[in-house]
C-alpha atoms as a PDB file:
ATOM      1  CA  MET A   1      68.048-128.802 102.127  1.00  0.00           C
ATOM      2  CA  ARG A   2      71.309-126.884 101.088  1.00  0.00           C
ATOM      3  CA  TYR A   3      72.280-123.360 101.061  1.00  0.00           C
ATOM      4  CA  GLN A   4      71.565-123.339  97.700  1.00  0.00           C
ATOM      5  CA  GLU A   5      68.403-124.218  96.842  1.00  0.00           C
ATOM      6  CA  ALA A   6      67.601-122.168  99.788  1.00  0.00           C
ATOM      7  CA  TYR A   7      68.922-119.176  98.565  1.00  0.00           C
ATOM      8  CA  GLU A   8      67.401-119.626  95.007  1.00  0.00           C
ATOM      9  CA  ILE A   9      64.154-119.956  96.692  1.00  0.00           C
ATOM     10  CA  ILE A  10      64.321-116.182  98.352  1.00  0.00           C
ATOM     11  CA  ASP A  11      65.115-115.068  95.371  1.00  0.00           C
ATOM     12  CA  ALA A  12      61.721-116.612  93.354  1.00  0.00           C
ATOM     13  CA  GLY A  13      59.817-114.419  96.865  1.00  0.00           C
ATOM     14  CA  LEU A  14      61.938-110.838  96.867  1.00  0.00           C
ATOM     15  CA  VAL A  15      60.841-111.419  92.899  1.00  0.00           C
ATOM     16  CA  LYS A  16      57.179-111.154  93.811  1.00  0.00           C
ATOM     17  CA  ALA A  17      57.749-108.659  96.347  1.00  0.00           C
ATOM     18  CA  ALA A  18      59.025-106.284  93.981  1.00  0.00           C
ATOM     19  CA  LEU A  19      61.360-104.840  96.304  1.00  0.00           C
ATOM     20  CA  ALA A  20      62.237-101.263  96.255  1.00  0.00           C
ATOM     21  CA  PHE A  21      66.010-101.874  96.928  1.00  0.00           C
ATOM     22  CA  PRO A  22      68.533-103.329  95.621  1.00  0.00           C
ATOM     23  CA  THR A  23      68.965-107.472  97.558  1.00  0.00           C
ATOM     24  CA  ALA A  24      72.642-108.949  96.998  1.00  0.00           C
ATOM     25  CA  GLU A  25      73.926-111.802  97.240  1.00  0.00           C
ATOM     26  CA  PRO A  26      75.730-111.689 100.216  1.00  0.00           C
ATOM     27  CA  LEU A  27      72.879-109.790 102.352  1.00  0.00           C
ATOM     28  CA  LYS A  28      70.863-112.402 101.263  1.00  0.00           C
ATOM     29  CA  ALA A  29      73.381-114.890 102.643  1.00  0.00           C
ATOM     30  CA  GLN A  30      73.777-112.985 105.777  1.00  0.00           C
ATOM     31  CA  PHE A  31      70.515-112.469 106.590  1.00  0.00           C
ATOM     32  CA  PHE A  32      69.616-116.238 106.033  1.00  0.00           C
ATOM     33  CA  ASP A  33      72.808-117.635 107.483  1.00  0.00           C
ATOM     34  CA  SER A  34      72.242-115.886 110.627  1.00  0.00           C
ATOM     35  CA  LYS A  35      68.491-117.396 110.917  1.00  0.00           C
ATOM     36  CA  VAL A  36      69.649-120.858 110.425  1.00  0.00           C
ATOM     37  CA  GLN A  37      71.931-119.782 113.478  1.00  0.00           C
ATOM     38  CA  GLU A  38      69.087-118.117 115.848  1.00  0.00           C
ATOM     39  CA  ILE A  39      66.894-121.434 114.947  1.00  0.00           C
ATOM     40  CA  GLY A  40      69.675-124.010 115.772  1.00  0.00           C
ATOM     41  CA  MET A  41      70.119-122.023 119.610  1.00  0.00           C
ATOM     42  CA  ARG A  42      66.392-121.296 120.142  1.00  0.00           C
ATOM     43  CA  THR A  43      64.922-124.474 119.007  1.00  0.00           C
ATOM     44  CA  VAL A  44      67.084-127.363 117.811  1.00  0.00           C
ATOM     45  CA  LYS A  45      69.138-127.696 120.865  1.00  0.00           C
ATOM     46  CA  LYS A  46      72.132-129.618 119.560  1.00  0.00           C
ATOM     47  CA  LYS A  47      74.427-131.281 122.851  1.00  0.00           C
ATOM     48  CA  ASP A  48      77.584-131.334 122.347  1.00  0.00           C
ATOM     49  CA  SER A  49      80.604-131.195 124.825  1.00  0.00           C
ATOM     50  CA  GLU A  50      84.609-131.101 125.303  1.00  0.00           C
ATOM     51  CA  THR A  51      87.128-132.023 127.462  1.00  0.00           C
ATOM     52  CA  PHE A  52      89.830-130.263 129.132  1.00  0.00           C
ATOM     53  CA  THR A  53      92.837-131.810 131.349  1.00  0.00           C
ATOM     54  CA  THR A  54      93.007-129.112 133.806  1.00  0.00           C
ATOM     55  CA  THR A  55      95.769-127.347 135.590  1.00  0.00           C
ATOM     56  CA  ALA A  56      96.443-124.696 138.178  1.00  0.00           C
ATOM     57  CA  THR A  57      94.256-122.003 136.269  1.00  0.00           C
ATOM     58  CA  ARG A  58      90.790-119.991 136.771  1.00  0.00           C
ATOM     59  CA  THR A  59      90.082-119.891 132.767  1.00  0.00           C
ATOM     60  CA  TYR A  60      89.791-122.321 129.589  1.00  0.00           C
ATOM     61  CA  THR A  61      89.505-121.781 126.230  1.00  0.00           C
ATOM     62  CA  PHE A  62      87.186-123.830 123.942  1.00  0.00           C
ATOM     63  CA  THR A  63      88.245-125.292 120.960  1.00  0.00           C
ATOM     64  CA  ASN A  64      85.078-126.434 120.005  1.00  0.00           C
ATOM     65  CA  ALA A  65      83.579-123.973 116.623  1.00  0.00           C
ATOM     66  CA  ASN A  66      80.142-125.053 117.763  1.00  0.00           C
ATOM     67  CA  ALA A  67      80.391-124.142 121.632  1.00  0.00           C
ATOM     68  CA  SER A  68      77.668-121.972 122.684  1.00  0.00           C
ATOM     69  CA  ASP A  69      76.744-120.021 125.679  1.00  0.00           C
ATOM     70  CA  GLN A  70      74.468-122.274 126.549  1.00  0.00           C
ATOM     71  CA  ILE A  71      75.602-124.587 129.592  1.00  0.00           C
ATOM     72  CA  TYR A  72      73.456-126.752 130.656  1.00  0.00           C
ATOM     73  CA  LYS A  73      76.257-129.174 133.177  1.00  0.00           C
ATOM     74  CA  VAL A  74      80.102-128.760 133.794  1.00  0.00           C
ATOM     75  CA  GLU A  75      81.626-131.647 135.543  1.00  0.00           C
ATOM     76  CA  TYR A  76      84.688-131.075 137.256  1.00  0.00           C
ATOM     77  CA  ASP A  77      86.348-134.138 138.558  1.00  0.00           C
ATOM     78  CA  THR A  78      84.158-136.012 140.254  1.00  0.00           C
ATOM     79  CA  SER A  79      81.250-133.118 140.894  1.00  0.00           C
ATOM     80  CA  VAL A  80      79.067-131.223 138.955  1.00  0.00           C
ATOM     81  CA  ILE A  81      80.352-127.287 139.465  1.00  0.00           C
ATOM     82  CA  PRO A  82      77.105-124.879 140.117  1.00  0.00           C
ATOM     83  CA  PHE A  83      76.799-121.904 137.367  1.00  0.00           C
ATOM     84  CA  VAL A  84      78.009-118.646 139.000  1.00  0.00           C
ATOM     85  CA  SER A  85      77.382-114.763 137.534  1.00  0.00           C
ATOM     86  CA  GLU A  86      80.603-113.554 137.408  1.00  0.00           C
ATOM     87  CA  SER A  87      79.069-110.074 138.758  1.00  0.00           C
ATOM     88  CA  ARG A  88      79.336-111.569 141.615  1.00  0.00           C
ATOM     89  CA  VAL A  89      82.803-112.523 141.238  1.00  0.00           C
ATOM     90  CA  ASN A  90      86.060-111.180 142.963  1.00  0.00           C
ATOM     91  CA  THR A  91      88.798-112.868 140.982  1.00  0.00           C
ATOM     92  CA  ASN A  92      91.608-110.687 143.503  1.00  0.00           C
ATOM     93  CA  VAL A  93      90.762-112.906 146.158  1.00  0.00           C
ATOM     94  CA  ALA A  94      92.735-115.623 147.090  1.00  0.00           C
ATOM     95  CA  ASP A  95      91.325-119.729 145.835  1.00  0.00           C
ATOM     96  CA  ASP A  96      91.753-120.826 149.827  1.00  0.00           C
ATOM     97  CA  ASP A  97      89.300-118.152 150.992  1.00  0.00           C
ATOM     98  CA  VAL A  98      86.874-119.117 148.257  1.00  0.00           C
ATOM     99  CA  SER A  99      84.444-121.981 149.823  1.00  0.00           C
ATOM    100  CA  GLN A 100      82.774-123.401 146.558  1.00  0.00           C
ATOM    101  CA  ILE A 101      84.052-123.791 142.995  1.00  0.00           C
ATOM    102  CA  GLY A 102      81.917-121.967 140.025  1.00  0.00           C
ATOM    103  CA  TYR A 103      82.109-121.408 136.612  1.00  0.00           C
ATOM    104  CA  TYR A 104      81.145-118.507 134.323  1.00  0.00           C
ATOM    105  CA  VAL A 105      81.410-118.034 130.697  1.00  0.00           C
ATOM    106  CA  LYS A 106      82.337-114.847 128.931  1.00  0.00           C
ATOM    107  CA  ASP A 107      83.619-113.887 125.359  1.00  0.00           C
ATOM    108  CA  ASP A 108      87.439-112.547 124.703  1.00  0.00           C
ATOM    109  CA  ASN A 109      87.592-109.614 122.288  1.00  0.00           C
ATOM    110  CA  SER A 110      91.202-108.209 123.305  1.00  0.00           C
ATOM    111  CA  GLN A 111      92.562-108.006 120.106  1.00  0.00           C
ATOM    112  CA  SER A 112      92.296-107.240 116.623  1.00  0.00           C
ATOM    113  CA  GLY A 113      94.496-106.430 113.538  1.00  0.00           C
ATOM    114  CA  VAL A 114      94.656-105.457 110.212  1.00  0.00           C
ATOM    115  CA  ILE A 115      95.025-107.628 107.276  1.00  0.00           C
ATOM    116  CA  THR A 116      98.140-106.950 104.870  1.00  0.00           C
ATOM    117  CA  ALA A 117      97.877-109.737 102.060  1.00  0.00           C
ATOM    118  CA  GLY A 118      96.601-113.377 102.037  1.00  0.00           C
ATOM    119  CA  THR A 119      97.705-116.428  99.665  1.00  0.00           C
ATOM    120  CA  SER A 120      95.317-118.160  97.067  1.00  0.00           C
ATOM    121  CA  ALA A 121      96.297-121.146  99.227  1.00  0.00           C
ATOM    122  CA  ASN A 122      94.887-124.048 100.823  1.00  0.00           C
ATOM    123  CA  PRO A 123      94.624-123.394 103.076  1.00  0.00           C
ATOM    124  CA  ILE A 124      94.856-119.497 103.043  1.00  0.00           C
ATOM    125  CA  ALA A 125      97.489-117.894 104.200  1.00  0.00           C
ATOM    126  CA  MET A 126      96.543-114.568 105.876  1.00  0.00           C
ATOM    127  CA  SER A 127      99.746-111.632 106.424  1.00  0.00           C
ATOM    128  CA  SER A 128      99.199-109.863 109.514  1.00  0.00           C
ATOM    129  CA  ALA A 129     102.131-107.719 111.102  1.00  0.00           C
ATOM    130  CA  ALA A 130     103.179-109.129 114.649  1.00  0.00           C
ATOM    131  CA  HIS A 131      99.452-110.570 115.499  1.00  0.00           C
ATOM    132  CA  GLY A 132      99.963-112.566 118.604  1.00  0.00           C
ATOM    133  CA  LEU A 133      96.873-115.267 118.331  1.00  0.00           C
ATOM    134  CA  SER A 134      97.622-118.747 118.734  1.00  0.00           C
ATOM    135  CA  ASP A 135      97.425-121.999 117.474  1.00  0.00           C
ATOM    136  CA  GLY A 136      93.464-122.492 118.058  1.00  0.00           C
ATOM    137  CA  ASP A 137      92.340-119.101 119.097  1.00  0.00           C
ATOM    138  CA  PHE A 138      88.800-118.187 116.413  1.00  0.00           C
ATOM    139  CA  VAL A 139      88.945-114.598 114.345  1.00  0.00           C
ATOM    140  CA  PHE A 140      86.271-112.824 112.439  1.00  0.00           C
ATOM    141  CA  ILE A 141      87.377-111.122 108.884  1.00  0.00           C
ATOM    142  CA  GLU A 142      85.649-108.967 107.533  1.00  0.00           C
ATOM    143  CA  GLY A 143      86.436-106.085 104.730  1.00  0.00           C
ATOM    144  CA  ILE A 144      88.582-108.235 102.392  1.00  0.00           C
ATOM    145  CA  VAL A 145      88.754-107.527  98.579  1.00  0.00           C
ATOM    146  CA  GLY A 146      89.326-110.454  96.490  1.00  0.00           C
ATOM    147  CA  LEU A 147      89.898-113.893  97.779  1.00  0.00           C
ATOM    148  CA  ARG A 148      87.099-115.319  95.651  1.00  0.00           C
ATOM    149  CA  PRO A 149      86.222-116.158  92.079  1.00  0.00           C
ATOM    150  CA  SER A 150      84.744-112.559  90.925  1.00  0.00           C
ATOM    151  CA  THR A 151      87.182-110.101  90.795  1.00  0.00           C
ATOM    152  CA  GLY A 152      86.310-106.950  92.831  1.00  0.00           C
ATOM    153  CA  GLU A 153      84.243-108.007  94.928  1.00  0.00           C
ATOM    154  CA  LEU A 154      84.316-108.321  98.680  1.00  0.00           C
ATOM    155  CA  SER A 155      85.508-111.719  99.610  1.00  0.00           C
ATOM    156  CA  GLU A 156      83.056-114.866 100.789  1.00  0.00           C
ATOM    157  CA  ILE A 157      85.386-115.309 104.069  1.00  0.00           C
ATOM    158  CA  ASN A 158      84.226-111.937 105.516  1.00  0.00           C
ATOM    159  CA  GLY A 159      81.721-111.870 107.990  1.00  0.00           C
ATOM    160  CA  ARG A 160      83.188-115.777 109.023  1.00  0.00           C
ATOM    161  CA  ILE A 161      84.717-116.719 112.430  1.00  0.00           C
ATOM    162  CA  PHE A 162      87.664-118.874 111.174  1.00  0.00           C
ATOM    163  CA  ALA A 163      90.223-121.086 113.745  1.00  0.00           C
ATOM    164  CA  VAL A 164      93.549-120.088 113.542  1.00  0.00           C
ATOM    165  CA  THR A 165      96.583-122.545 112.413  1.00  0.00           C
ATOM    166  CA  ASN A 166     100.064-122.459 111.624  1.00  0.00           C
ATOM    167  CA  THR A 167     100.908-119.148 113.235  1.00  0.00           C
ATOM    168  CA  GLY A 168     103.607-117.217 112.837  1.00  0.00           C
ATOM    169  CA  THR A 169     104.898-113.836 113.828  1.00  0.00           C
ATOM    170  CA  ASN A 170     103.163-111.746 111.104  1.00  0.00           C
ATOM    171  CA  THR A 171     100.995-114.479 109.325  1.00  0.00           C
ATOM    172  CA  PHE A 172      97.756-117.359 110.359  1.00  0.00           C
ATOM    173  CA  THR A 173      96.303-119.841 108.254  1.00  0.00           C
ATOM    174  CA  ILE A 174      92.421-120.735 108.401  1.00  0.00           C
ATOM    175  CA  ALA A 175      90.663-123.209 106.779  1.00  0.00           C
ATOM    176  CA  VAL A 176      89.748-122.589 103.734  1.00  0.00           C
ATOM    177  CA  ASN A 177      90.877-123.325 100.633  1.00  0.00           C
ATOM    178  CA  GLY A 178      91.732-120.362  97.919  1.00  0.00           C
ATOM    179  CA  THR A 179      93.810-122.150  95.315  1.00  0.00           C
ATOM    180  CA  GLY A 180      91.873-121.280  91.261  1.00  0.00           C
ATOM    181  CA  GLY A 181      90.086-117.995  92.925  1.00  0.00           C
ATOM    182  CA  VAL A 182      91.140-114.748  92.726  1.00  0.00           C
ATOM    183  CA  ALA A 183      93.760-113.041  94.230  1.00  0.00           C
ATOM    184  CA  TYR A 184      93.500-111.039  97.856  1.00  0.00           C
ATOM    185  CA  ALA A 185      93.773-107.309  96.238  1.00  0.00           C
ATOM    186  CA  SER A 186      93.174-104.998  99.403  1.00  0.00           C
ATOM    187  CA  GLY A 187      91.473-104.589 102.923  1.00  0.00           C
ATOM    188  CA  GLY A 188      91.371-106.504 105.820  1.00  0.00           C
ATOM    189  CA  THR A 189      90.199-106.691 109.603  1.00  0.00           C
ATOM    190  CA  TRP A 190      90.715-109.389 112.254  1.00  0.00           C
ATOM    191  CA  SER A 191      88.941-109.395 115.574  1.00  0.00           C
ATOM    192  CA  LEU A 192      90.052-111.984 118.495  1.00  0.00           C
ATOM    193  CA  ARG A 193      86.676-114.114 119.198  1.00  0.00           C
ATOM    194  CA  ASN A 194      87.897-116.309 121.537  1.00  0.00           C
ATOM    195  CA  LYS A 195      84.659-118.070 124.206  1.00  0.00           C
ATOM    196  CA  ASN A 196      86.614-118.710 127.917  1.00  0.00           C
ATOM    197  CA  ILE A 197      85.146-120.836 131.057  1.00  0.00           C
ATOM    198  CA  ILE A 198      86.009-119.003 133.810  1.00  0.00           C
ATOM    199  CA  PHE A 199      86.018-120.088 137.077  1.00  0.00           C
ATOM    200  CA  ASN A 200      86.015-118.221 140.253  1.00  0.00           C
ATOM    201  CA  LYS A 201      89.234-120.438 141.927  1.00  0.00           C
ATOM    202  CA  GLN A 202      91.797-122.081 140.364  1.00  0.00           C
ATOM    203  CA  THR A 203      91.045-126.128 139.354  1.00  0.00           C
ATOM    204  CA  ASP A 204      93.300-128.269 140.787  1.00  0.00           C
ATOM    205  CA  ALA A 205      95.883-129.844 138.165  1.00  0.00           C
ATOM    206  CA  ALA A 206      95.309-133.519 136.067  1.00  0.00           C
ATOM    207  CA  LYS A 207      91.891-133.419 136.594  1.00  0.00           C
ATOM    208  CA  THR A 208      89.205-133.996 134.050  1.00  0.00           C
ATOM    209  CA  LEU A 209      86.594-131.143 133.881  1.00  0.00           C
ATOM    210  CA  LYS A 210      83.647-131.494 130.821  1.00  0.00           C
ATOM    211  CA  VAL A 211      81.737-129.407 129.928  1.00  0.00           C
ATOM    212  CA  TYR A 212      78.613-130.048 128.680  1.00  0.00           C
ATOM    213  CA  TYR A 213      76.606-127.482 125.900  1.00  0.00           C
ATOM    214  CA  TYR A 214      73.949-127.144 123.383  1.00  0.00           C
ATOM    215  CA  ALA A 215      76.233-126.227 119.887  1.00  0.00           C
ATOM    216  CA  LYS A 216      75.774-123.665 117.608  1.00  0.00           C
ATOM    217  CA  PRO A 217      74.264-125.532 114.147  1.00  0.00           C
ATOM    218  CA  LEU A 218      77.625-125.951 111.798  1.00  0.00           C
ATOM    219  CA  VAL A 219      78.708-122.626 109.163  1.00  0.00           C
ATOM    220  CA  LYS A 220      78.528-123.856 105.756  1.00  0.00           C
ATOM    221  CA  SER A 221      82.006-124.028 103.712  1.00  0.00           C
ATOM    222  CA  ASN A 222      80.123-122.861 100.522  1.00  0.00           C
ATOM    223  CA  ALA A 223      76.879-122.625  98.702  1.00  0.00           C
ATOM    224  CA  THR A 224      76.233-126.292  98.289  1.00  0.00           C
ATOM    225  CA  SER A 225      76.681-127.227 101.879  1.00  0.00           C
ATOM    226  CA  ARG A 226      74.033-128.804 103.878  1.00  0.00           C
ATOM    227  CA  VAL A 227      72.078-126.608 105.889  1.00  0.00           C
ATOM    228  CA  ASP A 228      72.573-128.366 109.612  1.00  0.00           C
ATOM    229  CA  LEU A 229      69.034-127.775 110.300  1.00  0.00           C
ATOM    230  CA  PRO A 230      65.930-130.729 110.316  1.00  0.00           C
ATOM    231  CA  ASP A 231      64.749-130.458 107.065  1.00  0.00           C
ATOM    232  CA  GLN A 232      61.476-129.342 108.505  1.00  0.00           C
ATOM    233  CA  LEU A 233      63.049-126.161 110.046  1.00  0.00           C
ATOM    234  CA  VAL A 234      64.199-125.378 107.203  1.00  0.00           C
ATOM    235  CA  PRO A 235      61.565-122.859 105.540  1.00  0.00           C
ATOM    236  CA  ALA A 236      61.047-121.378 109.107  1.00  0.00           C
ATOM    237  CA  ALA A 237      64.180-119.300 108.013  1.00  0.00           C
ATOM    238  CA  ILE A 238      63.442-119.228 104.911  1.00  0.00           C
ATOM    239  CA  HIS A 239      60.193-117.102 105.814  1.00  0.00           C
ATOM    240  CA  TYR A 240      62.408-115.636 108.284  1.00  0.00           C
ATOM    241  CA  THR A 241      64.754-113.983 105.946  1.00  0.00           C
ATOM    242  CA  LEU A 242      61.700-112.365 103.278  1.00  0.00           C
ATOM    243  CA  GLY A 243      59.544-111.205 106.035  1.00  0.00           C
ATOM    244  CA  HIS A 244      63.242-108.922 107.723  1.00  0.00           C
ATOM    245  CA  PHE A 245      63.550-107.628 103.824  1.00  0.00           C
ATOM    246  CA  LEU A 246      59.793-107.054 103.402  1.00  0.00           C
ATOM    247  CA  ALA A 247      59.615-105.347 106.666  1.00  0.00           C
ATOM    248  CA  LEU A 248      62.609-103.089 105.395  1.00  0.00           C
ATOM    249  CA  ASP A 249      60.381-102.523 102.561  1.00  0.00           C
ATOM    250  CA  GLY A 250      57.649-101.164 104.280  1.00  0.00           C
ATOM    251  CA  GLN A 251      55.897-104.327 103.100  1.00  0.00           C
ATOM    252  CA  LEU A 252      54.274-104.989 106.604  1.00  0.00           C
ATOM    253  CA  GLN A 253      51.642-107.146 106.569  1.00  0.00           C
ATOM    254  CA  THR A 254      52.603-109.403 104.218  1.00  0.00           C
ATOM    255  CA  SER A 255      55.827-109.233 106.829  1.00  0.00           C
ATOM    256  CA  SER A 256      54.306-110.461 109.354  1.00  0.00           C
ATOM    257  CA  GLY A 257      52.729-113.204 107.366  1.00  0.00           C
ATOM    258  CA  HIS A 258      56.068-114.674 106.940  1.00  0.00           C
ATOM    259  CA  ARG A 259      56.734-114.347 109.902  1.00  0.00           C
ATOM    260  CA  GLY A 260      53.547-116.066 111.603  1.00  0.00           C
ATOM    261  CA  MET A 261      54.169-119.321 108.858  1.00  0.00           C
ATOM    262  CA  ALA A 262      57.887-119.652 110.465  1.00  0.00           C
ATOM    263  CA  LYS A 263      56.983-118.382 114.181  1.00  0.00           C
ATOM    264  CA  GLN A 264      54.004-121.515 113.439  1.00  0.00           C
ATOM    265  CA  ILE A 265      56.442-124.542 111.745  1.00  0.00           C
ATOM    266  CA  GLU A 266      58.805-123.639 114.896  1.00  0.00           C
ATOM    267  CA  ASP A 267      56.149-124.447 117.059  1.00  0.00           C
ATOM    268  CA  GLU A 268      55.156-127.880 114.635  1.00  0.00           C
ATOM    269  CA  TYR A 269      58.008-128.897 115.296  1.00  0.00           C
ATOM    270  CA  THR A 270      59.088-128.116 118.710  1.00  0.00           C
ATOM    271  CA  HIS A 271      55.150-130.834 119.692  1.00  0.00           C
ATOM    272  CA  THR A 272      56.919-133.609 117.426  1.00  0.00           C
ATOM    273  CA  VAL A 273      60.168-133.865 118.744  1.00  0.00           C
ATOM    274  CA  SER A 274      59.167-133.027 122.514  1.00  0.00           C
ATOM    275  CA  GLN A 275      59.243-135.989 125.190  1.00  0.00           C
ATOM    276  CA  ARG A 276      59.037-135.068 128.550  1.00  0.00           C
ATOM    277  CA  GLU A 277      62.208-134.626 130.402  1.00  0.00           C
ATOM    278  CA  ALA A 278      64.024-132.619 132.305  1.00  0.00           C
ATOM    279  CA  ASN A 279      64.929-129.374 131.502  1.00  0.00           C
ATOM    280  CA  TYR A 280      67.333-128.120 133.740  1.00  0.00           C
ATOM    281  CA  ASP A 281      68.460-125.652 132.698  1.00  0.00           C
ATOM    282  CA  ILE A 282      65.129-124.029 132.200  1.00  0.00           C
ATOM    283  CA  ILE A 283      63.009-125.038 134.947  1.00  0.00           C
ATOM    284  CA  PRO A 284      63.601-127.020 138.557  1.00  0.00           C
ATOM    285  CA  VAL A 285      63.071-131.150 137.817  1.00  0.00           C
ATOM    286  CA  PRO A 286      59.863-130.680 140.752  1.00  0.00           C
ATOM    287  CA  LEU A 287      58.137-127.758 139.152  1.00  0.00           C
ATOM    288  CA  GLN A 288      57.489-129.648 136.058  1.00  0.00           C
ATOM    289  CA  ASP A 289      55.642-131.740 137.820  1.00  0.00           C
ATOM    290  CA  PHE A 290      53.072-129.462 137.913  1.00  0.00           C
ATOM    291  CA  ILE A 291      53.261-128.224 134.194  1.00  0.00           C
ATOM    292  CA  TYR A 292      53.890-131.335 131.790  1.00  0.00           C
END
């Protein structure tokens, strides 16, 4: 199913519910799109990986847009690296004093800036004075007016994360085709959204580091994009979205029904696709024999 059809079903449900407040299209999209991400990470758990060639450093930044915190294996050369809690790591300790290498994951949101212009081109180029970004960084954009089909409305690129390319001192591009759209009008900010895997000691140079994780669903490029969930689970995202709006309107009993239906759909999907395999990230292997 495409996002467009899902939005139409949500519209029909909200019309029938006769809410006491207006529901703008961007708000419906925001709620539904966030539920798609939640269900994908909670129930589907697509597997993906990223490979790095190591240097003498402790920090590596993911370049895959679908990378998540749900890492289930890290291979470093011929070893599997265990997770360590960030709270137990002292980065001031010399590498020679750390006997066992371990990793943790941390988001880098340390930079932000103001957008002063944008081009209706392919790709869209943003102007931001002395932004300090590098190719491959990820940024979250919000507050832009223009750069969309309808004059005077907020841009459709707001509330989304993009990889930065073609960085100059005061400009960068994002992979969006703005050709033929309404010109940039005003506003806009960006904030860094990099995801890093960090080790408690430096890695050796010229080794292979491979990180395996459960991948986030693909983010839509436009309303005609396919929802990156199995077809069986798309109705769950629709029911969760309807339940959210109805709860805000005080229709708690009907909202509970939608949420219950969504949960039932998720459970049925899990029972349909589940197999007897080791879930190393959840339960130690020996204990699983007592559960299955």
